[in-house]
PDB file of N, CA and C in Angstrom:
ATOM      1  N   MET A   1      -4.248 -25.079 -12.265  1.00  0.00           N
ATOM      2  CA  MET A   1      -4.383 -24.594 -10.857  1.00  0.00           C
ATOM      3  C   MET A   1      -4.099 -23.408 -10.360  1.00  0.00           C
ATOM      4  N   GLN A   2      -4.592 -22.637  -9.431  1.00  0.00           N
ATOM      5  CA  GLN A   2      -4.435 -21.401  -9.429  1.00  0.00           C
ATOM      6  C   GLN A   2      -3.909 -21.120  -7.185  1.00  0.00           C
ATOM      7  N   GLU A   3      -3.388 -20.532  -7.357  1.00  0.00           N
ATOM      8  CA  GLU A   3      -3.276 -19.976  -5.752  1.00  0.00           C
ATOM      9  C   GLU A   3      -3.908 -20.293  -4.771  1.00  0.00           C
ATOM     10  N   VAL A   4      -4.081 -21.496  -3.576  1.00  0.00           N
ATOM     11  CA  VAL A   4      -5.738 -20.884  -2.893  1.00  0.00           C
ATOM     12  C   VAL A   4      -4.866 -21.331  -0.904  1.00  0.00           C
ATOM     13  N   ALA A   5      -3.832 -20.725  -0.854  1.00  0.00           N
ATOM     14  CA  ALA A   5      -2.812 -20.747  -0.055  1.00  0.00           C
ATOM     15  C   ALA A   5      -0.906 -20.070  -1.064  1.00  0.00           C
ATOM     16  N   ARG A   6      -0.846 -19.632   0.775  1.00  0.00           N
ATOM     17  CA  ARG A   6       1.215 -19.272   0.845  1.00  0.00           C
ATOM     18  C   ARG A   6       1.323 -19.553   1.988  1.00  0.00           C
ATOM     19  N   GLY A   7       2.478 -19.937   2.063  1.00  0.00           N
ATOM     20  CA  GLY A   7       3.238 -19.342   3.633  1.00  0.00           C
ATOM     21  C   GLY A   7       4.576 -19.704   3.372  1.00  0.00           C
ATOM     22  N   VAL A   8       4.935 -19.607   4.294  1.00  0.00           N
ATOM     23  CA  VAL A   8       6.675 -19.818   4.338  1.00  0.00           C
ATOM     24  C   VAL A   8       7.619 -21.121   4.834  1.00  0.00           C
ATOM     25  N   LYS A   9       7.713 -21.476   3.543  1.00  0.00           N
ATOM     26  CA  LYS A   9       8.164 -23.046   3.413  1.00  0.00           C
ATOM     27  C   LYS A   9       9.385 -23.480   3.855  1.00  0.00           C
ATOM     28  N   VAL A  10       9.537 -23.658   5.037  1.00  0.00           N
ATOM     29  CA  VAL A  10      10.400 -24.795   5.539  1.00  0.00           C
ATOM     30  C   VAL A  10      11.753 -25.184   5.210  1.00  0.00           C
ATOM     31  N   PHE A  11      11.452 -25.900   3.785  1.00  0.00           N
ATOM     32  CA  PHE A  11      12.926 -26.310   2.556  1.00  0.00           C
ATOM     33  C   PHE A  11      12.509 -26.664   2.081  1.00  0.00           C
ATOM     34  N   ASP A  12      13.121 -26.124   0.915  1.00  0.00           N
ATOM     35  CA  ASP A  12      13.451 -26.168  -0.971  1.00  0.00           C
ATOM     36  C   ASP A  12      13.192 -27.227  -1.454  1.00  0.00           C
ATOM     37  N   ALA A  13      11.789 -27.576  -1.716  1.00  0.00           N
ATOM     38  CA  ALA A  13      11.518 -28.648  -1.971  1.00  0.00           C
ATOM     39  C   ALA A  13      10.567 -28.851  -3.691  1.00  0.00           C
ATOM     40  N   PRO A  14      10.807 -29.593  -3.977  1.00  0.00           N
ATOM     41  CA  PRO A  14      10.224 -29.621  -5.803  1.00  0.00           C
ATOM     42  C   PRO A  14       8.714 -29.222  -5.943  1.00  0.00           C
ATOM     43  N   ALA A  15       7.302 -29.168  -6.299  1.00  0.00           N
ATOM     44  CA  ALA A  15       6.432 -28.931  -7.008  1.00  0.00           C
ATOM     45  C   ALA A  15       5.480 -30.612  -6.098  1.00  0.00           C
ATOM     46  N   VAL A  16       4.862 -30.272  -4.840  1.00  0.00           N
ATOM     47  CA  VAL A  16       4.687 -32.606  -5.076  1.00  0.00           C
ATOM     48  C   VAL A  16       2.400 -32.283  -5.484  1.00  0.00           C
ATOM     49  N   SER A  17       2.460 -33.192  -6.001  1.00  0.00           N
ATOM     50  CA  SER A  17       0.665 -33.411  -5.442  1.00  0.00           C
ATOM     51  C   SER A  17       0.316 -34.143  -4.797  1.00  0.00           C
ATOM     52  N   GLY A  18      -0.480 -34.131  -3.897  1.00  0.00           N
ATOM     53  CA  GLY A  18      -2.261 -34.967  -3.578  1.00  0.00           C
ATOM     54  C   GLY A  18      -2.208 -34.835  -3.588  1.00  0.00           C
ATOM     55  N   ARG A  19      -4.136 -35.274  -2.127  1.00  0.00           N
ATOM     56  CA  ARG A  19      -4.422 -34.740  -2.019  1.00  0.00           C
ATOM     57  C   ARG A  19      -5.384 -34.413  -0.529  1.00  0.00           C
ATOM     58  N   TRP A  20      -5.834 -33.408  -0.611  1.00  0.00           N
ATOM     59  CA  TRP A  20      -6.273 -32.143   0.400  1.00  0.00           C
ATOM     60  C   TRP A  20      -6.838 -33.224   1.135  1.00  0.00           C
ATOM     61  N   GLN A  21      -5.718 -32.956   2.965  1.00  0.00           N
ATOM     62  CA  GLN A  21      -7.167 -33.920   4.360  1.00  0.00           C
ATOM     63  C   GLN A  21      -7.039 -32.802   4.909  1.00  0.00           C
ATOM     64  N   PRO A  22      -7.743 -32.511   5.729  1.00  0.00           N
ATOM     65  CA  PRO A  22      -7.596 -31.702   6.721  1.00  0.00           C
ATOM     66  C   PRO A  22      -7.237 -32.543   8.401  1.00  0.00           C
ATOM     67  N   MET A  23      -6.987 -32.347   9.224  1.00  0.00           N
ATOM     68  CA  MET A  23      -6.646 -32.957  10.072  1.00  0.00           C
ATOM     69  C   MET A  23      -6.562 -32.883  11.376  1.00  0.00           C
ATOM     70  N   THR A  24      -7.867 -33.182  12.375  1.00  0.00           N
ATOM     71  CA  THR A  24      -7.995 -31.891  13.433  1.00  0.00           C
ATOM     72  C   THR A  24      -7.731 -32.858  14.623  1.00  0.00           C
ATOM     73  N   GLY A  25      -7.200 -34.884  14.794  1.00  0.00           N
ATOM     74  CA  GLY A  25      -6.209 -34.716  15.912  1.00  0.00           C
ATOM     75  C   GLY A  25      -6.593 -36.766  16.189  1.00  0.00           C
ATOM     76  N   PRO A  26      -5.779 -37.206  16.275  1.00  0.00           N
ATOM     77  CA  PRO A  26      -5.506 -38.413  16.157  1.00  0.00           C
ATOM     78  C   PRO A  26      -6.228 -39.752  15.423  1.00  0.00           C
ATOM     79  N   ASP A  27      -7.759 -39.318  15.957  1.00  0.00           N
ATOM     80  CA  ASP A  27      -8.633 -39.636  14.752  1.00  0.00           C
ATOM     81  C   ASP A  27      -8.483 -39.994  13.506  1.00  0.00           C
ATOM     82  N   ASP A  28      -8.376 -39.052  12.941  1.00  0.00           N
ATOM     83  CA  ASP A  28      -8.396 -38.438  10.621  1.00  0.00           C
ATOM     84  C   ASP A  28      -6.730 -39.375  11.357  1.00  0.00           C
ATOM     85  N   VAL A  29      -5.436 -38.977  12.230  1.00  0.00           N
ATOM     86  CA  VAL A  29      -4.453 -40.179  11.994  1.00  0.00           C
ATOM     87  C   VAL A  29      -4.988 -41.656  11.812  1.00  0.00           C
ATOM     88  N   LEU A  30      -5.325 -42.726  12.869  1.00  0.00           N
ATOM     89  CA  LEU A  30      -6.053 -43.695  12.672  1.00  0.00           C
ATOM     90  C   LEU A  30      -6.891 -43.752  11.278  1.00  0.00           C
ATOM     91  N   ASP A  31      -7.517 -43.567  10.701  1.00  0.00           N
ATOM     92  CA  ASP A  31      -8.475 -43.541   9.387  1.00  0.00           C
ATOM     93  C   ASP A  31      -7.437 -43.642   8.185  1.00  0.00           C
ATOM     94  N   LEU A  32      -5.988 -42.909   8.243  1.00  0.00           N
ATOM     95  CA  LEU A  32      -5.641 -42.571   7.172  1.00  0.00           C
ATOM     96  C   LEU A  32      -4.470 -43.986   7.458  1.00  0.00           C
ATOM     97  N   MET A  33      -4.638 -44.427   8.564  1.00  0.00           N
ATOM     98  CA  MET A  33      -3.295 -45.980   8.524  1.00  0.00           C
ATOM     99  C   MET A  33      -4.066 -46.846   8.067  1.00  0.00           C
ATOM    100  N   ASP A  34      -5.275 -46.946   7.687  1.00  0.00           N
ATOM    101  CA  ASP A  34      -6.257 -47.850   7.411  1.00  0.00           C
ATOM    102  C   ASP A  34      -6.101 -48.248   5.560  1.00  0.00           C
ATOM    103  N   SER A  35      -5.605 -46.516   5.033  1.00  0.00           N
ATOM    104  CA  SER A  35      -6.375 -46.683   3.582  1.00  0.00           C
ATOM    105  C   SER A  35      -5.226 -45.724   3.441  1.00  0.00           C
ATOM    106  N   GLY A  36      -4.042 -45.369   4.445  1.00  0.00           N
ATOM    107  CA  GLY A  36      -2.418 -45.011   3.580  1.00  0.00           C
ATOM    108  C   GLY A  36      -2.180 -43.454   2.895  1.00  0.00           C
ATOM    109  N   ALA A  37      -2.188 -43.430   3.508  1.00  0.00           N
ATOM    110  CA  ALA A  37      -1.621 -41.907   3.156  1.00  0.00           C
ATOM    111  C   ALA A  37      -0.533 -41.454   2.217  1.00  0.00           C
ATOM    112  N   GLU A  38       0.018 -42.099   1.232  1.00  0.00           N
ATOM    113  CA  GLU A  38       1.259 -42.101   0.522  1.00  0.00           C
ATOM    114  C   GLU A  38       1.024 -40.565  -0.330  1.00  0.00           C
ATOM    115  N   ASP A  39      -0.319 -39.961  -0.804  1.00  0.00           N
ATOM    116  CA  ASP A  39      -0.657 -39.255  -1.688  1.00  0.00           C
ATOM    117  C   ASP A  39      -0.967 -38.301  -0.141  1.00  0.00           C
ATOM    118  N   VAL A  40      -1.239 -37.961   0.181  1.00  0.00           N
ATOM    119  CA  VAL A  40      -2.144 -37.244   1.634  1.00  0.00           C
ATOM    120  C   VAL A  40      -0.885 -35.725   1.460  1.00  0.00           C
ATOM    121  N   ILE A  41      -1.945 -34.294   1.038  1.00  0.00           N
ATOM    122  CA  ILE A  41      -1.003 -33.478   1.351  1.00  0.00           C
ATOM    123  C   ILE A  41      -1.634 -32.791   3.011  1.00  0.00           C
ATOM    124  N   ALA A  42      -1.689 -32.651   4.182  1.00  0.00           N
ATOM    125  CA  ALA A  42      -2.310 -33.211   5.309  1.00  0.00           C
ATOM    126  C   ALA A  42      -2.629 -30.781   5.825  1.00  0.00           C
ATOM    127  N   LEU A  43      -3.234 -31.393   6.093  1.00  0.00           N
ATOM    128  CA  LEU A  43      -3.581 -29.602   6.341  1.00  0.00           C
ATOM    129  C   LEU A  43      -3.889 -29.296   7.946  1.00  0.00           C
ATOM    130  N   VAL A  44      -3.042 -28.972   8.612  1.00  0.00           N
ATOM    131  CA  VAL A  44      -2.866 -28.537  10.293  1.00  0.00           C
ATOM    132  C   VAL A  44      -3.382 -27.585  11.081  1.00  0.00           C
ATOM    133  N   ARG A  45      -3.165 -27.605  11.252  1.00  0.00           N
ATOM    134  CA  ARG A  45      -4.087 -26.358  12.676  1.00  0.00           C
ATOM    135  C   ARG A  45      -2.776 -25.602  13.445  1.00  0.00           C
ATOM    136  N   ASP A  46      -2.224 -26.541  14.155  1.00  0.00           N
ATOM    137  CA  ASP A  46      -1.331 -26.707  15.521  1.00  0.00           C
ATOM    138  C   ASP A  46      -0.044 -26.868  15.233  1.00  0.00           C
ATOM    139  N   ALA A  47       1.365 -25.561  14.717  1.00  0.00           N
ATOM    140  CA  ALA A  47       1.916 -26.291  14.895  1.00  0.00           C
ATOM    141  C   ALA A  47       2.887 -27.035  15.342  1.00  0.00           C
ATOM    142  N   GLY A  48       2.506 -27.546  16.325  1.00  0.00           N
ATOM    143  CA  GLY A  48       3.226 -28.506  17.489  1.00  0.00           C
ATOM    144  C   GLY A  48       1.667 -29.659  17.110  1.00  0.00           C
ATOM    145  N   ALA A  49       1.343 -29.979  16.469  1.00  0.00           N
ATOM    146  CA  ALA A  49       0.981 -31.397  15.808  1.00  0.00           C
ATOM    147  C   ALA A  49       1.554 -32.375  15.936  1.00  0.00           C
ATOM    148  N   THR A  50       1.577 -33.304  17.703  1.00  0.00           N
ATOM    149  CA  THR A  50       2.330 -34.589  17.265  1.00  0.00           C
ATOM    150  C   THR A  50       1.787 -35.650  16.548  1.00  0.00           C
ATOM    151  N   PHE A  51       0.515 -35.712  16.819  1.00  0.00           N
ATOM    152  CA  PHE A  51      -0.441 -36.425  16.406  1.00  0.00           C
ATOM    153  C   PHE A  51      -0.455 -37.346  15.376  1.00  0.00           C
ATOM    154  N   LEU A  52       0.304 -36.269  14.062  1.00  0.00           N
ATOM    155  CA  LEU A  52       0.700 -36.849  12.381  1.00  0.00           C
ATOM    156  C   LEU A  52       1.749 -37.579  12.702  1.00  0.00           C
ATOM    157  N   SER A  53       2.626 -37.833  14.117  1.00  0.00           N
ATOM    158  CA  SER A  53       4.350 -38.945  13.891  1.00  0.00           C
ATOM    159  C   SER A  53       3.422 -39.840  13.581  1.00  0.00           C
ATOM    160  N   PRO A  54       2.708 -40.274  13.735  1.00  0.00           N
ATOM    161  CA  PRO A  54       2.747 -41.679  13.019  1.00  0.00           C
ATOM    162  C   PRO A  54       3.061 -41.854  11.522  1.00  0.00           C
ATOM    163  N   ILE A  55       1.914 -40.792  11.003  1.00  0.00           N
ATOM    164  CA  ILE A  55       1.991 -40.893   9.543  1.00  0.00           C
ATOM    165  C   ILE A  55       2.659 -41.011   8.801  1.00  0.00           C
ATOM    166  N   PHE A  56       3.512 -39.407   9.437  1.00  0.00           N
ATOM    167  CA  PHE A  56       4.653 -38.505   9.033  1.00  0.00           C
ATOM    168  C   PHE A  56       5.202 -39.289   7.915  1.00  0.00           C
ATOM    169  N   HIS A  57       6.116 -40.009   7.715  1.00  0.00           N
ATOM    170  CA  HIS A  57       6.190 -40.546   6.236  1.00  0.00           C
ATOM    171  C   HIS A  57       5.970 -40.815   5.154  1.00  0.00           C
ATOM    172  N   GLU A  58       4.927 -41.090   5.487  1.00  0.00           N
ATOM    173  CA  GLU A  58       4.584 -41.333   4.193  1.00  0.00           C
ATOM    174  C   GLU A  58       3.380 -39.756   3.740  1.00  0.00           C
ATOM    175  N   LEU A  59       3.195 -39.473   3.927  1.00  0.00           N
ATOM    176  CA  LEU A  59       2.674 -37.874   3.804  1.00  0.00           C
ATOM    177  C   LEU A  59       3.463 -37.764   2.538  1.00  0.00           C
ATOM    178  N   ALA A  60       2.434 -36.970   1.177  1.00  0.00           N
ATOM    179  CA  ALA A  60       3.251 -35.599   0.404  1.00  0.00           C
ATOM    180  C   ALA A  60       3.521 -35.332   0.486  1.00  0.00           C
ATOM    181  N   GLY A  61       2.509 -34.393   1.888  1.00  0.00           N
ATOM    182  CA  GLY A  61       3.284 -32.732   1.934  1.00  0.00           C
ATOM    183  C   GLY A  61       2.010 -32.566   3.455  1.00  0.00           C
ATOM    184  N   VAL A  62       2.830 -31.065   3.744  1.00  0.00           N
ATOM    185  CA  VAL A  62       1.948 -30.804   4.948  1.00  0.00           C
ATOM    186  C   VAL A  62       2.138 -29.089   4.554  1.00  0.00           C
ATOM    187  N   VAL A  63       1.224 -28.547   5.645  1.00  0.00           N
ATOM    188  CA  VAL A  63       0.204 -27.515   5.308  1.00  0.00           C
ATOM    189  C   VAL A  63      -0.118 -26.786   6.807  1.00  0.00           C
ATOM    190  N   CYS A  64       0.460 -25.906   6.973  1.00  0.00           N
ATOM    191  CA  CYS A  64      -0.185 -25.795   9.109  1.00  0.00           C
ATOM    192  C   CYS A  64      -0.450 -24.083   9.010  1.00  0.00           C
ATOM    193  N   THR A  65      -1.757 -23.808   9.370  1.00  0.00           N
ATOM    194  CA  THR A  65      -2.234 -22.122   9.244  1.00  0.00           C
ATOM    195  C   THR A  65      -0.822 -21.078  11.215  1.00  0.00           C
ATOM    196  N   GLY A  66      -0.431 -22.488  11.756  1.00  0.00           N
ATOM    197  CA  GLY A  66       0.662 -21.432  12.893  1.00  0.00           C
ATOM    198  C   GLY A  66       2.011 -21.717  12.400  1.00  0.00           C
ATOM    199  N   GLY A  67       2.299 -21.317  12.964  1.00  0.00           N
ATOM    200  CA  GLY A  67       3.750 -21.402  13.759  1.00  0.00           C
ATOM    201  C   GLY A  67       5.289 -20.936  12.818  1.00  0.00           C
ATOM    202  N   THR A  68       6.134 -21.013  12.636  1.00  0.00           N
ATOM    203  CA  THR A  68       6.733 -21.275  11.564  1.00  0.00           C
ATOM    204  C   THR A  68       8.616 -22.303  11.270  1.00  0.00           C
ATOM    205  N   PRO A  69       9.148 -22.003  10.701  1.00  0.00           N
ATOM    206  CA  PRO A  69      10.477 -23.119  10.375  1.00  0.00           C
ATOM    207  C   PRO A  69      10.712 -24.168  11.419  1.00  0.00           C
ATOM    208  N   ARG A  70      10.769 -23.392  12.960  1.00  0.00           N
ATOM    209  CA  ARG A  70      11.368 -24.269  14.176  1.00  0.00           C
ATOM    210  C   ARG A  70       9.416 -24.845  14.776  1.00  0.00           C
ATOM    211  N   SER A  71       8.771 -24.578  14.111  1.00  0.00           N
ATOM    212  CA  SER A  71       7.898 -24.980  15.329  1.00  0.00           C
ATOM    213  C   SER A  71       7.598 -26.685  15.014  1.00  0.00           C
ATOM    214  N   HIS A  72       7.178 -27.745  16.210  1.00  0.00           N
ATOM    215  CA  HIS A  72       7.552 -29.339  15.982  1.00  0.00           C
ATOM    216  C   HIS A  72       7.094 -29.712  14.606  1.00  0.00           C
ATOM    217  N   ILE A  73       6.122 -28.813  13.745  1.00  0.00           N
ATOM    218  CA  ILE A  73       5.400 -29.588  12.189  1.00  0.00           C
ATOM    219  C   ILE A  73       6.943 -28.540  11.105  1.00  0.00           C
ATOM    220  N   GLY A  74       8.012 -28.083  11.279  1.00  0.00           N
ATOM    221  CA  GLY A  74       8.398 -27.753  11.354  1.00  0.00           C
ATOM    222  C   GLY A  74       9.865 -28.796  10.728  1.00  0.00           C
ATOM    223  N   ILE A  75      10.143 -28.945  12.573  1.00  0.00           N
ATOM    224  CA  ILE A  75      11.334 -29.574  11.810  1.00  0.00           C
ATOM    225  C   ILE A  75      10.946 -30.750  11.741  1.00  0.00           C
ATOM    226  N   VAL A  76       9.893 -31.742  12.232  1.00  0.00           N
ATOM    227  CA  VAL A  76       9.425 -32.797  12.103  1.00  0.00           C
ATOM    228  C   VAL A  76       9.448 -33.142  10.006  1.00  0.00           C
ATOM    229  N   SER A  77       8.950 -31.534   9.606  1.00  0.00           N
ATOM    230  CA  SER A  77       8.609 -32.093   7.902  1.00  0.00           C
ATOM    231  C   SER A  77      10.243 -31.729   7.799  1.00  0.00           C
ATOM    232  N   ARG A  78      11.736 -31.424   7.833  1.00  0.00           N
ATOM    233  CA  ARG A  78      12.734 -31.052   7.340  1.00  0.00           C
ATOM    234  C   ARG A  78      13.587 -32.060   7.444  1.00  0.00           C
ATOM    235  N   GLU A  79      13.017 -33.306   8.928  1.00  0.00           N
ATOM    236  CA  GLU A  79      13.965 -34.469   9.126  1.00  0.00           C
ATOM    237  C   GLU A  79      13.166 -35.350   8.015  1.00  0.00           C
ATOM    238  N   PHE A  80      12.520 -35.567   7.477  1.00  0.00           N
ATOM    239  CA  PHE A  80      11.698 -36.981   7.023  1.00  0.00           C
ATOM    240  C   PHE A  80      11.230 -35.573   5.721  1.00  0.00           C
ATOM    241  N   HIS A  81      12.431 -34.902   5.883  1.00  0.00           N
ATOM    242  CA  HIS A  81      12.500 -34.735   4.025  1.00  0.00           C
ATOM    243  C   HIS A  81      10.540 -34.206   3.380  1.00  0.00           C
ATOM    244  N   VAL A  82       9.823 -33.834   4.303  1.00  0.00           N
ATOM    245  CA  VAL A  82       8.115 -33.947   4.072  1.00  0.00           C
ATOM    246  C   VAL A  82       8.225 -32.554   3.442  1.00  0.00           C
ATOM    247  N   PRO A  83       7.524 -31.582   2.034  1.00  0.00           N
ATOM    248  CA  PRO A  83       7.528 -30.170   1.933  1.00  0.00           C
ATOM    249  C   PRO A  83       5.820 -29.872   3.426  1.00  0.00           C
ATOM    250  N   CYS A  84       7.415 -28.924   3.700  1.00  0.00           N
ATOM    251  CA  CYS A  84       5.818 -28.209   4.530  1.00  0.00           C
ATOM    252  C   CYS A  84       5.300 -26.557   4.314  1.00  0.00           C
ATOM    253  N   ILE A  85       4.366 -25.972   4.031  1.00  0.00           N
ATOM    254  CA  ILE A  85       4.625 -24.278   4.459  1.00  0.00           C
ATOM    255  C   ILE A  85       4.242 -24.300   6.395  1.00  0.00           C
ATOM    256  N   MET A  86       4.735 -23.204   7.178  1.00  0.00           N
ATOM    257  CA  MET A  86       4.069 -22.485   8.428  1.00  0.00           C
ATOM    258  C   MET A  86       3.193 -20.961   7.898  1.00  0.00           C
ATOM    259  N   GLY A  87       2.513 -21.295   8.355  1.00  0.00           N
ATOM    260  CA  GLY A  87       1.298 -19.576   9.137  1.00  0.00           C
ATOM    261  C   GLY A  87       1.588 -19.681   7.751  1.00  0.00           C
ATOM    262  N   ALA A  88       0.526 -20.597   6.427  1.00  0.00           N
ATOM    263  CA  ALA A  88       0.141 -20.280   5.315  1.00  0.00           C
ATOM    264  C   ALA A  88      -1.097 -19.374   6.133  1.00  0.00           C
ATOM    265  N   THR A  89      -1.787 -19.015   5.013  1.00  0.00           N
ATOM    266  CA  THR A  89      -3.029 -17.434   4.610  1.00  0.00           C
ATOM    267  C   THR A  89      -3.781 -18.106   3.320  1.00  0.00           C
ATOM    268  N   PHE A  90      -4.791 -18.707   3.081  1.00  0.00           N
ATOM    269  CA  PHE A  90      -5.287 -19.041   2.791  1.00  0.00           C
ATOM    270  C   PHE A  90      -6.217 -17.206   1.329  1.00  0.00           C
ATOM    271  N   VAL A  91      -6.484 -18.160   0.397  1.00  0.00           N
ATOM    272  CA  VAL A  91      -6.739 -16.885  -0.260  1.00  0.00           C
ATOM    273  C   VAL A  91      -8.286 -16.975  -0.988  1.00  0.00           C
ATOM    274  N   GLY A  92      -8.805 -17.071  -0.325  1.00  0.00           N
ATOM    275  CA  GLY A  92     -10.673 -17.290  -0.569  1.00  0.00           C
ATOM    276  C   GLY A  92     -10.740 -18.254   0.298  1.00  0.00           C
ATOM    277  N   ARG A  93     -11.379 -19.622  -0.068  1.00  0.00           N
ATOM    278  CA  ARG A  93     -11.561 -21.236   0.141  1.00  0.00           C
ATOM    279  C   ARG A  93     -10.904 -21.746  -0.076  1.00  0.00           C
ATOM    280  N   GLU A  94     -10.838 -22.550   1.193  1.00  0.00           N
ATOM    281  CA  GLU A  94     -10.078 -24.086   1.496  1.00  0.00           C
ATOM    282  C   GLU A  94     -10.192 -25.133   0.419  1.00  0.00           C
ATOM    283  N   PRO A  95      -9.652 -25.973  -0.105  1.00  0.00           N
ATOM    284  CA  PRO A  95      -9.885 -25.983  -0.322  1.00  0.00           C
ATOM    285  C   PRO A  95     -10.682 -28.502  -0.016  1.00  0.00           C
ATOM    286  N   GLU A  96     -11.579 -28.612  -0.351  1.00  0.00           N
ATOM    287  CA  GLU A  96     -12.226 -28.892  -0.413  1.00  0.00           C
ATOM    288  C   GLU A  96     -11.534 -30.376  -0.032  1.00  0.00           C
ATOM    289  N   PRO A  97     -12.014 -30.939   0.976  1.00  0.00           N
ATOM    290  CA  PRO A  97     -10.976 -32.692   1.915  1.00  0.00           C
ATOM    291  C   PRO A  97     -10.816 -33.685   0.271  1.00  0.00           C
ATOM    292  N   GLY A  98      -9.791 -33.905   0.089  1.00  0.00           N
ATOM    293  CA  GLY A  98     -10.021 -35.069  -0.623  1.00  0.00           C
ATOM    294  C   GLY A  98      -9.806 -34.831  -2.458  1.00  0.00           C
ATOM    295  N   SER A  99     -10.037 -33.250  -2.927  1.00  0.00           N
ATOM    296  CA  SER A  99      -9.610 -32.645  -3.570  1.00  0.00           C
ATOM    297  C   SER A  99      -7.989 -32.355  -4.001  1.00  0.00           C
ATOM    298  N   MET A 100      -7.761 -32.925  -5.239  1.00  0.00           N
ATOM    299  CA  MET A 100      -6.086 -32.429  -5.991  1.00  0.00           C
ATOM    300  C   MET A 100      -5.561 -31.195  -5.008  1.00  0.00           C
ATOM    301  N   VAL A 101      -4.608 -31.107  -5.391  1.00  0.00           N
ATOM    302  CA  VAL A 101      -4.015 -29.913  -4.305  1.00  0.00           C
ATOM    303  C   VAL A 101      -1.818 -30.599  -4.953  1.00  0.00           C
ATOM    304  N   GLU A 102      -1.331 -29.417  -5.141  1.00  0.00           N
ATOM    305  CA  GLU A 102      -0.063 -29.083  -5.469  1.00  0.00           C
ATOM    306  C   GLU A 102       0.308 -28.503  -4.664  1.00  0.00           C
ATOM    307  N   LEU A 103       1.362 -28.496  -4.032  1.00  0.00           N
ATOM    308  CA  LEU A 103       2.367 -27.420  -2.544  1.00  0.00           C
ATOM    309  C   LEU A 103       3.446 -27.680  -3.462  1.00  0.00           C
ATOM    310  N   ASP A 104       3.629 -26.496  -3.589  1.00  0.00           N
ATOM    311  CA  ASP A 104       5.205 -25.814  -3.810  1.00  0.00           C
ATOM    312  C   ASP A 104       6.429 -25.773  -3.296  1.00  0.00           C
ATOM    313  N   CYS A 105       7.450 -26.042  -2.913  1.00  0.00           N
ATOM    314  CA  CYS A 105       8.290 -25.556  -1.735  1.00  0.00           C
ATOM    315  C   CYS A 105       9.484 -25.103  -2.595  1.00  0.00           C
ATOM    316  N   SER A 106      10.027 -24.389  -3.901  1.00  0.00           N
ATOM    317  CA  SER A 106      10.186 -24.387  -4.957  1.00  0.00           C
ATOM    318  C   SER A 106      10.767 -23.034  -4.790  1.00  0.00           C
ATOM    319  N   GLY A 107       9.842 -22.212  -4.231  1.00  0.00           N
ATOM    320  CA  GLY A 107      10.104 -20.889  -4.968  1.00  0.00           C
ATOM    321  C   GLY A 107      10.385 -20.033  -3.884  1.00  0.00           C
ATOM    322  N   THR A 108      10.682 -18.495  -3.006  1.00  0.00           N
ATOM    323  CA  THR A 108      11.003 -17.884  -1.782  1.00  0.00           C
ATOM    324  C   THR A 108       9.760 -18.452  -0.850  1.00  0.00           C
ATOM    325  N   GLU A 109       8.745 -18.373  -1.390  1.00  0.00           N
ATOM    326  CA  GLU A 109       7.716 -18.944  -0.304  1.00  0.00           C
ATOM    327  C   GLU A 109       6.989 -19.971  -0.889  1.00  0.00           C
ATOM    328  N   GLY A 110       6.173 -20.940   0.372  1.00  0.00           N
ATOM    329  CA  GLY A 110       6.028 -21.586  -0.069  1.00  0.00           C
ATOM    330  C   GLY A 110       4.126 -21.001  -0.665  1.00  0.00           C
ATOM    331  N   VAL A 111       3.804 -22.614  -1.540  1.00  0.00           N
ATOM    332  CA  VAL A 111       1.965 -22.062  -2.681  1.00  0.00           C
ATOM    333  C   VAL A 111       1.371 -23.297  -2.033  1.00  0.00           C
ATOM    334  N   LEU A 112       0.265 -22.926  -2.310  1.00  0.00           N
ATOM    335  CA  LEU A 112      -0.837 -24.552  -2.495  1.00  0.00           C
ATOM    336  C   LEU A 112      -1.494 -24.012  -3.051  1.00  0.00           C
ATOM    337  N   ARG A 113      -1.030 -24.990  -4.549  1.00  0.00           N
ATOM    338  CA  ARG A 113      -2.523 -24.799  -5.661  1.00  0.00           C
ATOM    339  C   ARG A 113      -3.692 -25.619  -5.164  1.00  0.00           C
ATOM    340  N   GLY A 114      -5.125 -25.715  -6.160  1.00  0.00           N
ATOM    341  CA  GLY A 114      -5.598 -25.911  -6.298  1.00  0.00           C
ATOM    342  C   GLY A 114      -7.203 -25.949  -7.096  1.00  0.00           C
TER     343      GLY A 114
END
């Protein structure tokens, strides 16, 4: 796997693997409530994305393209112990939905590999 994004990690966490899933709103969450979110690494664009709340405890990880560790997503991910990177910048193309990725928050920065 090669690096596809980098951002500020919210807290130290070992690497986790999961299925890449961009999330744009409540309808995406409702879909995952039916199928399960246990192995999902979610992409959100808004650091205040409260729509993830019903499934946050199930997620394998979260990547947010905005905000800081003090943003809503960062605070909630820390409370639920869900690995998360904030202000993520992609190197080239984003992974395809459903592809396997690895989110690694064990170094000085958070890294997404795909």
